[in-house]
Amino acid sequence: MKNTSKNHRTLFRSVRGLVVHQDAHYQKIINRSVQLVARNE
C-alpha cells in the first residue's frame, strides 16, 4: 500500500512538471505574438 501511494505521488509530480513546462512554452509563444502585434501597431 505504501509503495502505491509513493508511485502515485511521483506520477503526480511528473505530470505537474509537464504542465508547468507547457505553461512556460505557451507563455513564450504568447509573448512573441504580443511583441509582433506591438510592432505592427
PDB file of N, CA and C in Angstrom:
ATOM      1  N   MET A   1       0.844  -1.200   0.000  1.00  0.00           N
ATOM      2  CA  MET A   1       0.000   0.000   0.000  1.00  0.00           C
ATOM      3  C   MET A   1       0.884   1.257   0.000  1.00  0.00           C
ATOM      4  N   LYS A   2       1.882   1.275   0.872  1.00  0.00           N
ATOM      5  CA  LYS A   2       2.772   2.439   0.940  1.00  0.00           C
ATOM      6  C   LYS A   2       3.437   2.688  -0.417  1.00  0.00           C
ATOM      7  N   ASN A   3       3.883   1.589  -1.044  1.00  0.00           N
ATOM      8  CA  ASN A   3       4.578   1.694  -2.323  1.00  0.00           C
ATOM      9  C   ASN A   3       3.686   2.347  -3.379  1.00  0.00           C
ATOM     10  N   THR A   4       2.410   1.980  -3.396  1.00  0.00           N
ATOM     11  CA  THR A   4       1.492   2.522  -4.398  1.00  0.00           C
ATOM     12  C   THR A   4       1.343   4.032  -4.245  1.00  0.00           C
ATOM     13  N   SER A   5       1.163   4.483  -3.015  1.00  0.00           N
ATOM     14  CA  SER A   5       0.983   5.921  -2.796  1.00  0.00           C
ATOM     15  C   SER A   5       2.255   6.680  -3.177  1.00  0.00           C
ATOM     16  N   LYS A   6       3.406   6.043  -2.961  1.00  0.00           N
ATOM     17  CA  LYS A   6       4.675   6.679  -3.335  1.00  0.00           C
ATOM     18  C   LYS A   6       4.747   6.843  -4.855  1.00  0.00           C
ATOM     19  N   ASN A   7       4.377   5.786  -5.568  1.00  0.00           N
ATOM     20  CA  ASN A   7       4.376   5.858  -7.035  1.00  0.00           C
ATOM     21  C   ASN A   7       3.381   6.901  -7.521  1.00  0.00           C
ATOM     22  N   HIS A   8       2.243   6.938  -6.856  1.00  0.00           N
ATOM     23  CA  HIS A   8       1.199   7.884  -7.219  1.00  0.00           C
ATOM     24  C   HIS A   8       1.721   9.318  -7.086  1.00  0.00           C
ATOM     25  N   ARG A   9       2.438   9.575  -5.996  1.00  0.00           N
ATOM     26  CA  ARG A   9       2.977  10.914  -5.756  1.00  0.00           C
ATOM     27  C   ARG A   9       4.005  11.273  -6.829  1.00  0.00           C
ATOM     28  N   THR A  10       4.843  10.296  -7.186  1.00  0.00           N
ATOM     29  CA  THR A  10       5.858  10.546  -8.214  1.00  0.00           C
ATOM     30  C   THR A  10       5.191  10.861  -9.546  1.00  0.00           C
ATOM     31  N   LEU A  11       4.164  10.091  -9.869  1.00  0.00           N
ATOM     32  CA  LEU A  11       3.429  10.309 -11.119  1.00  0.00           C
ATOM     33  C   LEU A  11       2.821  11.710 -11.126  1.00  0.00           C
ATOM     34  N   PHE A  12       2.184  12.057 -10.007  1.00  0.00           N
ATOM     35  CA  PHE A  12       1.566  13.370  -9.899  1.00  0.00           C
ATOM     36  C   PHE A  12       2.599  14.473 -10.095  1.00  0.00           C
ATOM     37  N   ARG A  13       3.789  14.276  -9.494  1.00  0.00           N
ATOM     38  CA  ARG A  13       4.834  15.302  -9.585  1.00  0.00           C
ATOM     39  C   ARG A  13       5.302  15.462 -11.027  1.00  0.00           C
ATOM     40  N   SER A  14       5.465  14.339 -11.744  1.00  0.00           N
ATOM     41  CA  SER A  14       5.939  14.431 -13.123  1.00  0.00           C
ATOM     42  C   SER A  14       4.876  15.054 -14.023  1.00  0.00           C
ATOM     43  N   VAL A  15       3.607  14.727 -13.749  1.00  0.00           N
ATOM     44  CA  VAL A  15       2.523  15.337 -14.536  1.00  0.00           C
ATOM     45  C   VAL A  15       2.497  16.837 -14.291  1.00  0.00           C
ATOM     46  N   ARG A  16       2.624  17.230 -13.030  1.00  0.00           N
ATOM     47  CA  ARG A  16       2.616  18.658 -12.697  1.00  0.00           C
ATOM     48  C   ARG A  16       3.812  19.349 -13.361  1.00  0.00           C
ATOM     49  N   GLY A  17       4.961  18.668 -13.372  1.00  0.00           N
ATOM     50  CA  GLY A  17       6.140  19.230 -14.023  1.00  0.00           C
ATOM     51  C   GLY A  17       5.893  19.460 -15.503  1.00  0.00           C
ATOM     52  N   LEU A  18       5.206  18.502 -16.134  1.00  0.00           N
ATOM     53  CA  LEU A  18       4.886  18.637 -17.555  1.00  0.00           C
ATOM     54  C   LEU A  18       3.992  19.842 -17.790  1.00  0.00           C
ATOM     55  N   VAL A  19       2.984  19.994 -16.935  1.00  0.00           N
ATOM     56  CA  VAL A  19       2.048  21.108 -17.087  1.00  0.00           C
ATOM     57  C   VAL A  19       2.785  22.435 -16.949  1.00  0.00           C
ATOM     58  N   VAL A  20       3.651  22.535 -15.951  1.00  0.00           N
ATOM     59  CA  VAL A  20       4.419  23.768 -15.739  1.00  0.00           C
ATOM     60  C   VAL A  20       5.288  24.046 -16.957  1.00  0.00           C
ATOM     61  N   HIS A  21       5.917  22.992 -17.494  1.00  0.00           N
ATOM     62  CA  HIS A  21       6.775  23.138 -18.663  1.00  0.00           C
ATOM     63  C   HIS A  21       5.956  23.649 -19.850  1.00  0.00           C
ATOM     64  N   GLN A  22       4.760  23.084 -20.034  1.00  0.00           N
ATOM     65  CA  GLN A  22       3.899  23.514 -21.142  1.00  0.00           C
ATOM     66  C   GLN A  22       3.485  24.965 -20.960  1.00  0.00           C
ATOM     67  N   ASP A  23       3.157  25.334 -19.727  1.00  0.00           N
ATOM     68  CA  ASP A  23       2.770  26.716 -19.455  1.00  0.00           C
ATOM     69  C   ASP A  23       3.880  27.676 -19.876  1.00  0.00           C
ATOM     70  N   ALA A  24       5.110  27.331 -19.529  1.00  0.00           N
ATOM     71  CA  ALA A  24       6.242  28.183 -19.887  1.00  0.00           C
ATOM     72  C   ALA A  24       6.360  28.271 -21.404  1.00  0.00           C
ATOM     73  N   HIS A  25       6.138  27.148 -22.088  1.00  0.00           N
ATOM     74  CA  HIS A  25       6.226  27.112 -23.547  1.00  0.00           C
ATOM     75  C   HIS A  25       5.175  28.029 -24.162  1.00  0.00           C
ATOM     76  N   TYR A  26       3.924  27.918 -23.677  1.00  0.00           N
ATOM     77  CA  TYR A  26       2.853  28.762 -24.203  1.00  0.00           C
ATOM     78  C   TYR A  26       3.115  30.229 -23.880  1.00  0.00           C
ATOM     79  N   GLN A  27       3.673  30.475 -22.704  1.00  0.00           N
ATOM     80  CA  GLN A  27       3.974  31.854 -22.310  1.00  0.00           C
ATOM     81  C   GLN A  27       4.938  32.489 -23.304  1.00  0.00           C
ATOM     82  N   LYS A  28       5.941  31.704 -23.748  1.00  0.00           N
ATOM     83  CA  LYS A  28       6.900  32.209 -24.740  1.00  0.00           C
ATOM     84  C   LYS A  28       6.180  32.558 -26.035  1.00  0.00           C
ATOM     85  N   ILE A  29       5.291  31.663 -26.474  1.00  0.00           N
ATOM     86  CA  ILE A  29       4.551  31.897 -27.721  1.00  0.00           C
ATOM     87  C   ILE A  29       3.687  33.147 -27.586  1.00  0.00           C
ATOM     88  N   ILE A  30       3.006  33.273 -26.457  1.00  0.00           N
ATOM     89  CA  ILE A  30       2.136  34.437 -26.231  1.00  0.00           C
ATOM     90  C   ILE A  30       2.966  35.719 -26.239  1.00  0.00           C
ATOM     91  N   ASN A  31       4.102  35.683 -25.550  1.00  0.00           N
ATOM     92  CA  ASN A  31       4.965  36.870 -25.510  1.00  0.00           C
ATOM     93  C   ASN A  31       5.403  37.259 -26.910  1.00  0.00           C
ATOM     94  N   ARG A  32       5.747  36.255 -27.727  1.00  0.00           N
ATOM     95  CA  ARG A  32       6.207  36.525 -29.080  1.00  0.00           C
ATOM     96  C   ARG A  32       5.091  37.170 -29.897  1.00  0.00           C
ATOM     97  N   SER A  33       3.861  36.639 -29.775  1.00  0.00           N
ATOM     98  CA  SER A  33       2.741  37.205 -30.542  1.00  0.00           C
ATOM     99  C   SER A  33       2.449  38.624 -30.087  1.00  0.00           C
ATOM    100  N   VAL A  34       2.529  38.865 -28.780  1.00  0.00           N
ATOM    101  CA  VAL A  34       2.280  40.207 -28.252  1.00  0.00           C
ATOM    102  C   VAL A  34       3.304  41.187 -28.820  1.00  0.00           C
ATOM    103  N   GLN A  35       4.558  40.762 -28.887  1.00  0.00           N
ATOM    104  CA  GLN A  35       5.609  41.628 -29.429  1.00  0.00           C
ATOM    105  C   GLN A  35       5.340  41.918 -30.908  1.00  0.00           C
ATOM    106  N   LEU A  36       4.912  40.885 -31.652  1.00  0.00           N
ATOM    107  CA  LEU A  36       4.610  41.074 -33.072  1.00  0.00           C
ATOM    108  C   LEU A  36       3.475  42.081 -33.250  1.00  0.00           C
ATOM    109  N   VAL A  37       2.426  41.942 -32.443  1.00  0.00           N
ATOM    110  CA  VAL A  37       1.283  42.852 -32.528  1.00  0.00           C
ATOM    111  C   VAL A  37       1.730  44.275 -32.196  1.00  0.00           C
ATOM    112  N   ALA A  38       2.545  44.410 -31.153  1.00  0.00           N
ATOM    113  CA  ALA A  38       3.017  45.734 -30.744  1.00  0.00           C
ATOM    114  C   ALA A  38       3.851  46.364 -31.863  1.00  0.00           C
ATOM    115  N   ARG A  39       4.638  45.550 -32.556  1.00  0.00           N
ATOM    116  CA  ARG A  39       5.483  46.063 -33.623  1.00  0.00           C
ATOM    117  C   ARG A  39       4.627  46.525 -34.808  1.00  0.00           C
ATOM    118  N   ASN A  40       3.508  45.830 -35.042  1.00  0.00           N
ATOM    119  CA  ASN A  40       2.667  46.155 -36.192  1.00  0.00           C
ATOM    120  C   ASN A  40       1.866  47.433 -35.989  1.00  0.00           C
ATOM    121  N   GLU A  41       1.629  47.801 -34.733  1.00  0.00           N
ATOM    122  CA  GLU A  41       0.772  48.968 -34.483  1.00  0.00           C
ATOM    123  C   GLU A  41       1.491  50.294 -34.648  1.00  0.00           C
TER     124      GLU A  41
END
